[in-house]
Protein backbone atom coordinates (compact mmCIF):
# COMPACT_ATOMS: atom_id res chain seq x y z
CA MET A 1 -7.91 17.68 28.62
CA THR A 2 -5.23 15.14 29.63
CA PRO A 3 -1.90 15.68 27.83
CA PRO A 4 -1.31 13.08 25.11
CA GLU A 5 1.43 10.45 25.03
CA ILE A 6 4.19 11.53 22.65
CA VAL A 7 4.93 8.56 20.39
CA SER A 8 7.30 7.82 17.52
CA PRO A 9 6.53 5.57 14.53
CA SER A 10 7.33 1.88 14.90
CA PHE A 11 8.30 1.96 11.24
CA ILE A 12 7.80 4.23 8.23
CA LEU A 13 6.62 3.68 4.65
CA ARG A 14 8.75 6.09 2.67
CA GLY A 15 8.43 7.03 -1.01
CA HIS A 16 5.95 9.86 -1.56
CA THR A 17 7.44 13.34 -1.99
CA ALA A 18 4.44 15.27 -0.63
CA PRO A 19 1.87 14.73 2.14
CA VAL A 20 -0.22 11.57 1.91
CA LEU A 21 -3.95 12.26 1.54
CA CYS A 22 -5.55 8.81 1.54
CA LEU A 23 -5.00 5.19 2.59
CA ASP A 24 -6.79 1.89 2.12
CA LEU A 25 -6.10 -1.72 3.16
CA CYS A 26 -6.53 -4.57 0.69
CA SER A 27 -8.47 -6.55 3.29
CA LYS A 28 -9.74 -5.08 6.52
CA ALA A 29 -9.42 -8.40 8.39
CA THR A 30 -6.13 -9.88 7.17
CA ALA A 31 -4.35 -7.01 5.50
CA SER A 32 -1.10 -7.66 3.67
CA LYS A 33 -1.01 -4.54 1.50
CA VAL A 34 -1.91 -0.90 1.95
CA ALA A 35 -2.46 1.65 -0.82
CA SER A 36 -1.73 5.36 -0.55
CA GLY A 37 -2.30 8.51 -2.58
CA ALA A 38 -0.59 11.86 -2.13
CA GLU A 39 -0.29 15.47 -3.15
CA ASP A 40 2.60 14.46 -5.44
CA GLY A 41 0.03 13.07 -7.91
CA THR A 42 0.97 9.41 -7.47
CA ALA A 43 -0.46 6.36 -5.77
CA ARG A 44 1.58 3.54 -4.27
CA VAL A 45 0.97 0.02 -2.99
CA TRP A 46 3.00 -1.21 -0.02
CA ASP A 47 3.75 -4.66 1.33
CA ILE A 48 3.17 -4.37 5.07
CA ALA A 49 5.38 -7.31 6.05
CA THR A 50 8.49 -5.81 4.42
CA ALA A 51 7.50 -2.11 4.59
CA LYS A 52 8.44 -1.85 0.90
CA CYS A 53 6.67 -0.19 -2.02
CA VAL A 54 5.67 -2.93 -4.48
CA ARG A 55 3.82 -0.78 -7.05
CA GLY A 56 3.97 2.83 -8.16
CA LEU A 57 0.88 4.07 -10.03
CA ARG A 58 1.13 6.91 -12.53
CA GLY A 59 -0.60 8.08 -15.69
CA LEU A 60 -3.25 10.08 -13.84
CA GLU A 61 -4.56 13.56 -14.63
CA GLU A 62 -1.69 16.03 -14.79
CA ASN A 63 -1.14 18.47 -11.92
CA THR A 64 -3.71 16.76 -9.70
CA GLU A 65 -3.52 15.23 -6.25
CA VAL A 66 -4.58 11.67 -5.55
CA SER A 67 -7.51 12.25 -3.22
CA SER A 68 -8.81 8.72 -2.63
CA VAL A 69 -7.83 5.07 -3.17
CA CYS A 70 -9.98 1.97 -2.80
CA PHE A 71 -9.09 -1.71 -3.13
CA SER A 72 -11.39 -4.20 -4.86
CA GLY A 73 -10.04 -7.49 -3.60
CA ASP A 74 -6.27 -7.85 -3.59
CA ASP A 75 -5.55 -7.17 -7.24
CA LEU A 76 -7.63 -4.17 -8.34
CA LEU A 77 -7.27 -0.60 -7.11
CA TYR A 78 -9.52 2.38 -7.85
CA VAL A 79 -7.73 5.73 -7.75
CA ALA A 80 -9.39 9.16 -7.72
CA ALA A 81 -7.39 12.12 -9.02
CA GLY A 82 -8.86 15.37 -10.24
CA HIS A 83 -12.18 14.76 -12.02
CA GLN A 84 -11.57 11.08 -12.78
CA VAL A 85 -11.58 7.64 -11.20
CA ARG A 86 -9.20 5.15 -12.78
CA LEU A 87 -8.82 1.41 -12.27
CA PHE A 88 -5.39 -0.23 -12.00
CA ASP A 89 -4.84 -3.98 -12.33
CA LEU A 90 -2.07 -4.79 -9.85
CA ARG A 91 -1.42 -8.13 -11.55
CA SER A 92 0.18 -6.24 -14.44
CA PRO A 93 3.96 -6.69 -14.66
CA GLY A 94 6.38 -4.00 -13.59
CA LEU A 95 7.11 -1.93 -10.53
CA VAL A 96 5.58 1.22 -12.07
CA LEU A 97 2.14 0.98 -13.69
CA ASN A 98 1.12 3.66 -16.19
CA GLN A 99 -1.85 1.89 -17.81
CA SER A 100 -5.30 2.22 -16.28
CA THR A 101 -8.96 2.36 -17.27
CA GLN A 102 -11.22 5.34 -16.65
CA ILE A 103 -14.36 4.44 -14.71
CA GLY A 104 -17.56 6.24 -15.65
CA VAL A 105 -17.62 9.83 -16.84
CA SER A 106 -15.50 12.66 -15.49
CA ALA A 107 -17.02 14.39 -12.48
CA GLU A 108 -18.33 17.94 -12.63
CA ASP A 109 -15.69 19.02 -10.12
CA GLU A 110 -12.72 17.50 -8.31
CA ILE A 111 -13.43 14.21 -6.56
CA ASN A 112 -12.71 14.09 -2.83
CA HIS A 113 -13.59 10.52 -1.92
CA ILE A 114 -14.63 7.19 -3.42
CA ALA A 115 -16.12 4.02 -1.92
CA LEU A 116 -17.17 0.53 -3.05
CA ASN A 117 -20.19 -1.45 -1.92
CA GLU A 118 -19.73 -4.90 -0.39
CA LYS A 119 -20.39 -6.77 -3.65
CA ARG A 120 -17.98 -4.47 -5.53
CA THR A 121 -20.68 -3.72 -8.10
CA PHE A 122 -21.17 -0.02 -7.35
CA LEU A 123 -18.72 2.82 -6.80
CA ALA A 124 -19.72 6.11 -5.17
CA THR A 125 -17.94 9.45 -5.54
CA ALA A 126 -18.21 12.68 -3.55
CA ASP A 127 -16.97 15.82 -5.29
CA ASP A 128 -16.40 19.54 -4.86
CA SER A 129 -19.71 20.41 -6.55
CA GLY A 130 -21.52 18.80 -3.61
CA HIS A 131 -22.79 15.92 -5.71
CA VAL A 132 -22.75 12.25 -4.80
CA THR A 133 -22.72 9.93 -7.81
CA VAL A 134 -23.08 6.14 -7.95
CA THR A 135 -21.59 4.26 -10.93
CA ASP A 136 -22.55 0.70 -11.88
CA LEU A 137 -19.22 -1.07 -12.34
CA ARG A 138 -20.81 -3.83 -14.42
CA THR A 139 -21.61 -1.31 -17.16
CA THR A 140 -19.22 1.53 -16.08
CA ARG A 141 -22.18 3.88 -16.51
CA VAL A 142 -23.66 6.31 -14.02
CA PHE A 143 -26.39 4.50 -12.09
CA LYS A 144 -27.61 7.46 -10.06
CA ARG A 145 -26.59 11.08 -9.66
CA PHE A 146 -28.70 12.56 -6.91
CA ARG A 147 -30.66 15.66 -7.86
CA GLN A 148 -30.31 16.94 -4.33
CA ARG A 149 -26.76 17.65 -3.26
CA HIS A 150 -24.72 19.08 -0.41
CA GLU A 151 -24.82 22.87 -0.26
CA ASN A 152 -21.03 22.91 -0.19
CA LEU A 153 -18.26 20.42 -1.02
CA ALA A 154 -19.13 16.73 -0.58
CA THR A 155 -16.10 15.41 1.30
CA CYS A 156 -16.75 11.75 2.10
CA VAL A 157 -19.00 8.84 1.16
CA ARG A 158 -19.61 5.28 2.44
CA PHE A 159 -21.93 2.43 1.47
CA GLN A 160 -23.71 0.95 4.46
CA PRO A 161 -22.76 -2.73 4.94
CA ASN A 162 -25.59 -5.28 4.87
CA ARG A 163 -27.93 -2.77 3.24
CA SER A 164 -28.29 -3.06 -0.54
CA TRP A 165 -29.29 0.50 -1.40
CA ASP A 166 -28.00 2.67 1.44
CA VAL A 167 -25.15 5.13 1.06
CA TRP A 168 -24.07 7.96 3.38
CA SER A 169 -22.24 11.18 2.58
CA GLY A 170 -20.85 14.14 4.48
CA GLY A 171 -19.95 17.62 3.38
CA MET A 172 -18.67 21.08 4.11
CA ASP A 173 -22.27 22.14 4.69
CA SER A 174 -21.94 20.41 8.09
CA THR A 175 -24.56 17.86 7.06
CA LEU A 176 -24.57 14.07 7.01
CA ILE A 177 -27.02 12.60 4.48
CA HIS A 178 -28.36 9.06 4.34
CA TRP A 179 -29.41 8.19 0.76
CA ASP A 180 -31.48 5.48 -0.90
CA PHE A 181 -29.57 5.25 -4.17
CA SER A 182 -32.15 2.96 -5.80
CA LYS A 183 -34.53 5.92 -5.73
CA GLY A 184 -31.98 8.71 -5.75
CA CYS A 185 -33.45 10.45 -2.72
CA PRO A 186 -32.38 11.19 0.85
CA VAL A 187 -33.66 9.04 3.71
CA GLU A 188 -32.42 11.20 6.57
CA GLN A 189 -30.35 14.32 7.11
CA PHE A 190 -28.27 15.27 10.13
CA PRO A 191 -27.44 19.01 10.12
CA PHE A 192 -24.78 19.18 12.82
CA ALA A 193 -24.42 22.96 12.74
CA THR A 194 -27.90 23.37 14.21
CA SER A 195 -27.64 20.72 16.93
CA GLU A 196 -27.41 21.65 20.60
CA GLN A 197 -24.19 19.68 20.94
CA SER A 198 -22.52 21.82 18.30
CA GLN A 199 -23.13 24.87 20.42
CA SER A 200 -21.02 23.34 23.21
CA ALA A 201 -18.23 22.24 20.86
CA GLN A 202 -15.62 24.53 19.32
CA SER A 203 -17.73 27.47 18.17
CA VAL A 204 -14.99 28.93 15.96
CA ASN A 205 -14.74 25.72 13.91
CA PRO A 206 -17.89 24.66 12.01
CA PRO A 207 -18.79 20.95 12.25
CA PHE A 208 -17.87 20.14 8.64
CA VAL A 209 -18.11 16.39 8.03
CA HIS A 210 -14.57 15.34 7.07
CA SER A 211 -14.68 11.54 7.30
CA LEU A 212 -16.98 8.54 7.76
CA GLU A 213 -16.43 4.93 8.85
CA PHE A 214 -18.67 2.01 9.82
CA SER A 215 -17.83 -0.27 12.74
CA PRO A 216 -16.83 -3.88 11.96
CA ASP A 217 -20.31 -5.13 12.92
CA ALA A 218 -21.91 -2.41 10.73
CA ARG A 219 -24.05 -1.22 13.64
CA LEU A 220 -22.35 2.13 14.19
CA LEU A 221 -21.31 4.97 11.92
CA ALA A 222 -18.64 7.43 13.06
CA ALA A 223 -18.27 10.89 11.54
CA GLY A 224 -15.23 13.10 12.13
CA LEU A 225 -16.30 16.74 12.42
CA GLY A 226 -14.58 20.07 11.99
CA ASP A 227 -15.42 21.25 15.51
CA GLY A 228 -13.15 18.60 17.02
CA SER A 229 -15.93 16.15 17.90
CA VAL A 230 -16.92 12.74 16.57
CA ALA A 231 -20.58 11.99 15.88
CA LEU A 232 -21.61 8.40 16.54
CA LEU A 233 -24.79 7.03 14.96
CA ASN A 234 -26.69 3.81 15.58
CA VAL A 235 -27.55 2.66 12.06
CA SER A 236 -29.10 -0.76 12.70
CA GLY A 237 -31.91 -2.35 14.65
CA LYS A 238 -35.69 -2.26 14.48
CA LYS A 239 -35.97 1.06 16.30
CA ASN A 240 -33.83 2.83 13.75
CA ALA A 241 -35.49 1.05 10.81
CA ASP A 242 -38.91 2.23 11.99
CA ALA A 243 -37.58 5.77 12.30
CA GLU A 244 -36.22 5.61 8.77
CA ARG A 245 -39.55 4.52 7.33
CA SER A 246 -41.31 7.40 9.04
CA THR A 247 -38.84 10.06 7.88
CA ARG A 248 -38.20 9.19 4.24
CA LYS A 249 -38.84 12.80 3.20
CA GLY A 250 -37.80 14.64 6.32
CA ARG A 251 -35.03 15.26 8.80
CA SER A 252 -34.43 13.08 11.81
CA SER A 253 -32.01 12.68 14.70
CA SER A 254 -33.38 9.25 15.66
CA ALA A 255 -30.14 7.42 14.93
CA LEU A 256 -27.75 9.84 16.64
CA LYS A 257 -26.22 7.85 19.52
CA ALA A 258 -23.56 10.20 20.89
CA ARG A 259 -21.33 13.17 20.22
CA LEU A 260 -17.80 12.44 21.44
CA MET A 261 -16.20 15.60 22.78
CA ASP A 262 -12.86 16.62 24.29
CA GLY A 263 -10.72 14.30 22.21
CA HIS A 264 -9.27 16.93 19.89
CA SER A 265 -8.51 20.63 20.03
CA TRP A 266 -9.07 21.04 16.29
CA ALA A 267 -10.87 19.38 13.38
CA VAL A 268 -11.19 15.59 13.26
CA SER A 269 -9.99 14.73 9.77
CA ALA A 270 -10.07 10.91 9.91
CA VAL A 271 -11.88 8.10 11.74
CA THR A 272 -11.35 4.34 11.53
CA PHE A 273 -12.11 1.10 13.35
CA PRO A 274 -9.48 -1.68 13.54
CA ARG A 275 -10.93 -4.99 12.42
CA CYS A 276 -10.80 -6.84 15.73
CA GLU A 277 -13.50 -8.26 17.97
CA ARG A 278 -13.18 -5.66 20.68
CA GLY A 279 -11.29 -2.76 19.22
CA PRO A 280 -11.55 0.99 19.71
CA LEU A 281 -12.68 3.77 17.47
CA LEU A 282 -9.67 5.81 16.33
CA SER A 283 -9.91 9.47 15.43
CA GLY A 284 -7.15 11.60 13.96
CA GLY A 285 -7.04 15.37 13.94
CA ILE A 286 -5.08 18.25 12.56
CA ASP A 287 -3.98 18.91 16.15
CA GLY A 288 -1.50 16.05 15.63
CA ASN A 289 -3.31 13.65 17.95
CA ILE A 290 -4.79 10.20 17.49
CA VAL A 291 -7.45 9.34 20.07
CA LEU A 292 -8.53 5.80 20.98
CA TRP A 293 -12.15 5.68 22.15
CA ASP A 294 -13.77 2.80 24.02
CA ILE A 295 -17.22 2.58 22.46
CA PRO A 296 -20.12 0.73 24.17
CA ALA A 297 -22.16 -1.78 22.20
CA SER A 298 -24.59 -0.17 19.80
CA ASP A 299 -27.56 -1.12 21.99
CA GLY A 300 -25.80 -0.23 25.25
CA GLU A 301 -25.93 2.86 27.40
CA GLY A 302 -23.25 5.52 27.59
CA GLU A 303 -21.10 7.28 25.07
CA GLY A 304 -17.42 6.89 24.30
CA VAL A 305 -14.56 7.03 26.79
CA ILE A 306 -11.07 8.20 25.87
CA LYS A 307 -8.62 5.41 26.67
CA ARG A 308 -5.48 6.75 24.99
CA ARG A 309 -4.42 9.95 23.27
CA LEU A 310 -1.29 9.77 21.14
CA HIS A 311 0.58 12.78 19.79
CA ILE A 312 2.22 11.82 16.49
CA GLY A 313 3.63 15.20 15.42
CA ARG A 314 1.70 15.23 12.16
CA LYS A 315 -1.59 16.78 11.07
CA THR A 316 -3.62 13.71 10.20
CA ASN A 317 -5.05 13.56 6.69
CA CYS A 318 -5.92 9.86 6.76
CA LEU A 319 -5.91 6.81 9.03
CA THR A 320 -6.37 3.08 8.65
CA SER A 321 -5.50 0.14 10.86
CA ALA A 322 -4.72 -3.58 10.70
CA PHE A 323 -3.83 -6.47 12.97
CA CYS A 324 -0.17 -6.68 13.86
CA SER A 325 -0.18 -10.19 12.40
CA ALA A 326 0.28 -8.42 9.07
CA ARG A 327 3.82 -7.64 10.20
CA GLY A 328 4.33 -10.14 13.00
CA SER A 329 4.22 -9.40 16.70
CA THR A 330 7.67 -7.85 17.20
CA GLU A 331 6.60 -4.26 16.76
CA ALA A 332 3.47 -4.71 18.84
CA ALA A 333 5.38 -6.26 21.71
CA LYS A 334 7.20 -2.98 22.24
CA ASP A 335 3.91 -1.32 23.06
CA SER A 336 2.05 -4.09 24.85
CA THR A 337 2.63 -5.00 28.48
CA ASN A 338 -0.45 -7.22 28.94
CA GLN A 339 -0.48 -10.63 27.27
CA ALA A 340 -4.24 -10.34 26.92
CA ASP A 341 -3.88 -7.15 24.90
CA GLU A 342 -4.80 -7.11 21.24
CA SER A 343 -2.31 -5.22 19.11
CA PHE A 344 -2.78 -3.55 15.78
CA LEU A 345 -0.98 -1.22 13.43
CA VAL A 346 -2.18 2.32 12.80
CA PHE A 347 -1.18 3.92 9.50
CA GLY A 348 -1.29 7.71 9.29
CA GLY A 349 -0.39 10.31 6.67
CA GLY A 350 -0.37 14.08 6.79
CA THR A 351 1.61 17.29 7.11
CA LEU A 352 4.39 17.47 9.70
CA LEU A 353 3.92 19.92 12.54
CA PRO A 354 6.67 22.51 13.19
CA GLY A 355 9.80 21.05 14.77
CA GLN A 356 9.04 17.48 13.71
CA ARG A 357 11.41 17.07 10.76
CA ILE A 358 14.16 15.75 13.00
CA THR A 359 13.25 13.74 16.09
CA ASP A 360 14.99 11.33 18.43
CA THR A 361 14.24 8.52 15.97
CA GLY A 362 15.73 10.32 12.95
CA LYS A 363 14.55 12.41 10.04
CA ARG A 364 10.90 12.52 9.02
CA SER A 365 9.56 13.80 5.72
CA GLU A 366 6.23 15.19 4.52
CA GLY A 367 5.55 12.16 2.33
CA ASP A 368 6.09 9.53 5.03
CA ILE A 369 3.37 7.16 6.13
CA ASP A 370 3.91 6.70 9.86
CA VAL A 371 3.01 3.29 11.28
CA PHE A 372 2.39 2.86 15.00
CA ALA A 373 2.04 -0.41 16.92
CA VAL A 374 -0.74 0.11 19.44
CA SER A 375 -2.07 -2.17 22.16
CA TRP A 376 -5.67 -2.44 23.28
CA PRO A 377 -7.12 -4.55 26.14
CA GLY A 378 -8.34 -7.79 24.62
CA SER A 379 -10.57 -10.52 25.88
CA THR A 380 -9.42 -12.19 29.09
């Protein structure tokens, strides 16, 4: 494994007093704001251009961490803390917002992740009981709570873009499940612990599914796994659709495109795609590394190739990314030597590794959100 580049943040979003657990951009294409939630029980909204906190969100369940945040447009933010999801209206006056509306009923156990569908009409939750629940936001009532559930904690959930009734979830049972939430039943299951590729990965670390993200064209789904690998699935096209119809009640590996190995020495806790025409897949791990993968087209041959590995000195809990135009090109220029390069910002939160509290660039704290300007070969 090639040693990583040791990098320092281009700038820092500072305000949380404990490690940041979750991040979300207000718009994946032209982001101007990013939301964060942390172990300190608060959520914050940041203006990317000024690197300033513009809203502090409180009034959540006491003694709970903020596990997930999700924008609905630019002005509404869903926040998961403890057993509840609450909605904040960011148009409300004041720097600190205490008033919010509970969405749906309280979950059976602590919520780990939330997601919105494209039309912003449904919200999905994944919780510690292993359940995935879909709430209809037009009525704020539970639309579907699947009878089947993960055999351990449900850790992450995503609606599939361009598909009205498809939602995916991952869990600590090392299984990825594709659901039809109109019927409340699974379409496919991918048990990574029993796959041949898992046997060649890190045997001491089970392939728990920690994170999920769809590519910008919605053709690929990436899953960050506990064994240090990233599973890549082809989730579009006639071939996969035919496979789905033939396996509505069974297990299938028809959509599994690749298993990306050798990027991390420990669990992959976060995956994300920058919203650019030809961008990489980014994976973040608790080994303190962010890996940039060059991924072939969904219908192409080959797997993923590691193009860059960055050591950020922090166990990654969460990642998201945006074009550098959100903060101008000054920061990106420091990292880019090719005028044809595309540049984007990578936001990361997590626990500092030993020896990282004071670096050459100054003090760092547990609650910081580190922001890195990263270049990627663009179209020529």
